[in-house]
Amino acid sequence: MTFSDRLARFNRRGPNQVIRSFAGRVAPMAVVVHRGRRSGRRYRTPVLAFRLDDGYVIALFYGAERDWVRNVLAAGGCTLQRAGRQVEATRPQLLSGDAGAALVPAPVRIVLPMLRVTALLRLWDAA
């Protein structure tokens, strides 16, 4: 099990429970609401989602191989709760660190390599 796997498991059982209580109301913290590919169960995953003119970009701190990312890609979208709003997001697209980093604010762009973020998820507004 890699370090990012262990950290993700720890966060899922601990800090994410607390973060989920206010994520979605304070930008850029958001909650991705998605369904499991096999179970059909509804999940709520806290993320950092940065607003773009026509959608959002999410930094994948634990990599693109997380179940929630696979669920969103398989479903072709998700619901994003951010800044007190609920938005239907479609056409998920994985971006490399360089391509995705160009879309985030400059201070975040500087930090991403230090946190070893190699992928980002691009989502478009459904409207």
Foldseek 3Di string as FASTA:
>chain_A
DDPLVVVVVVCVVPVQVVLVVCALQAAQWKWWWFAQPPPRDIDIGIFGWDDDPFFTKTFDLSDCPDRVNVRQVVVQWTWMRHNNDIFTWGRKDKDFLVVRLVGHDPVVSVCCVVSVGTIMITTGTPD
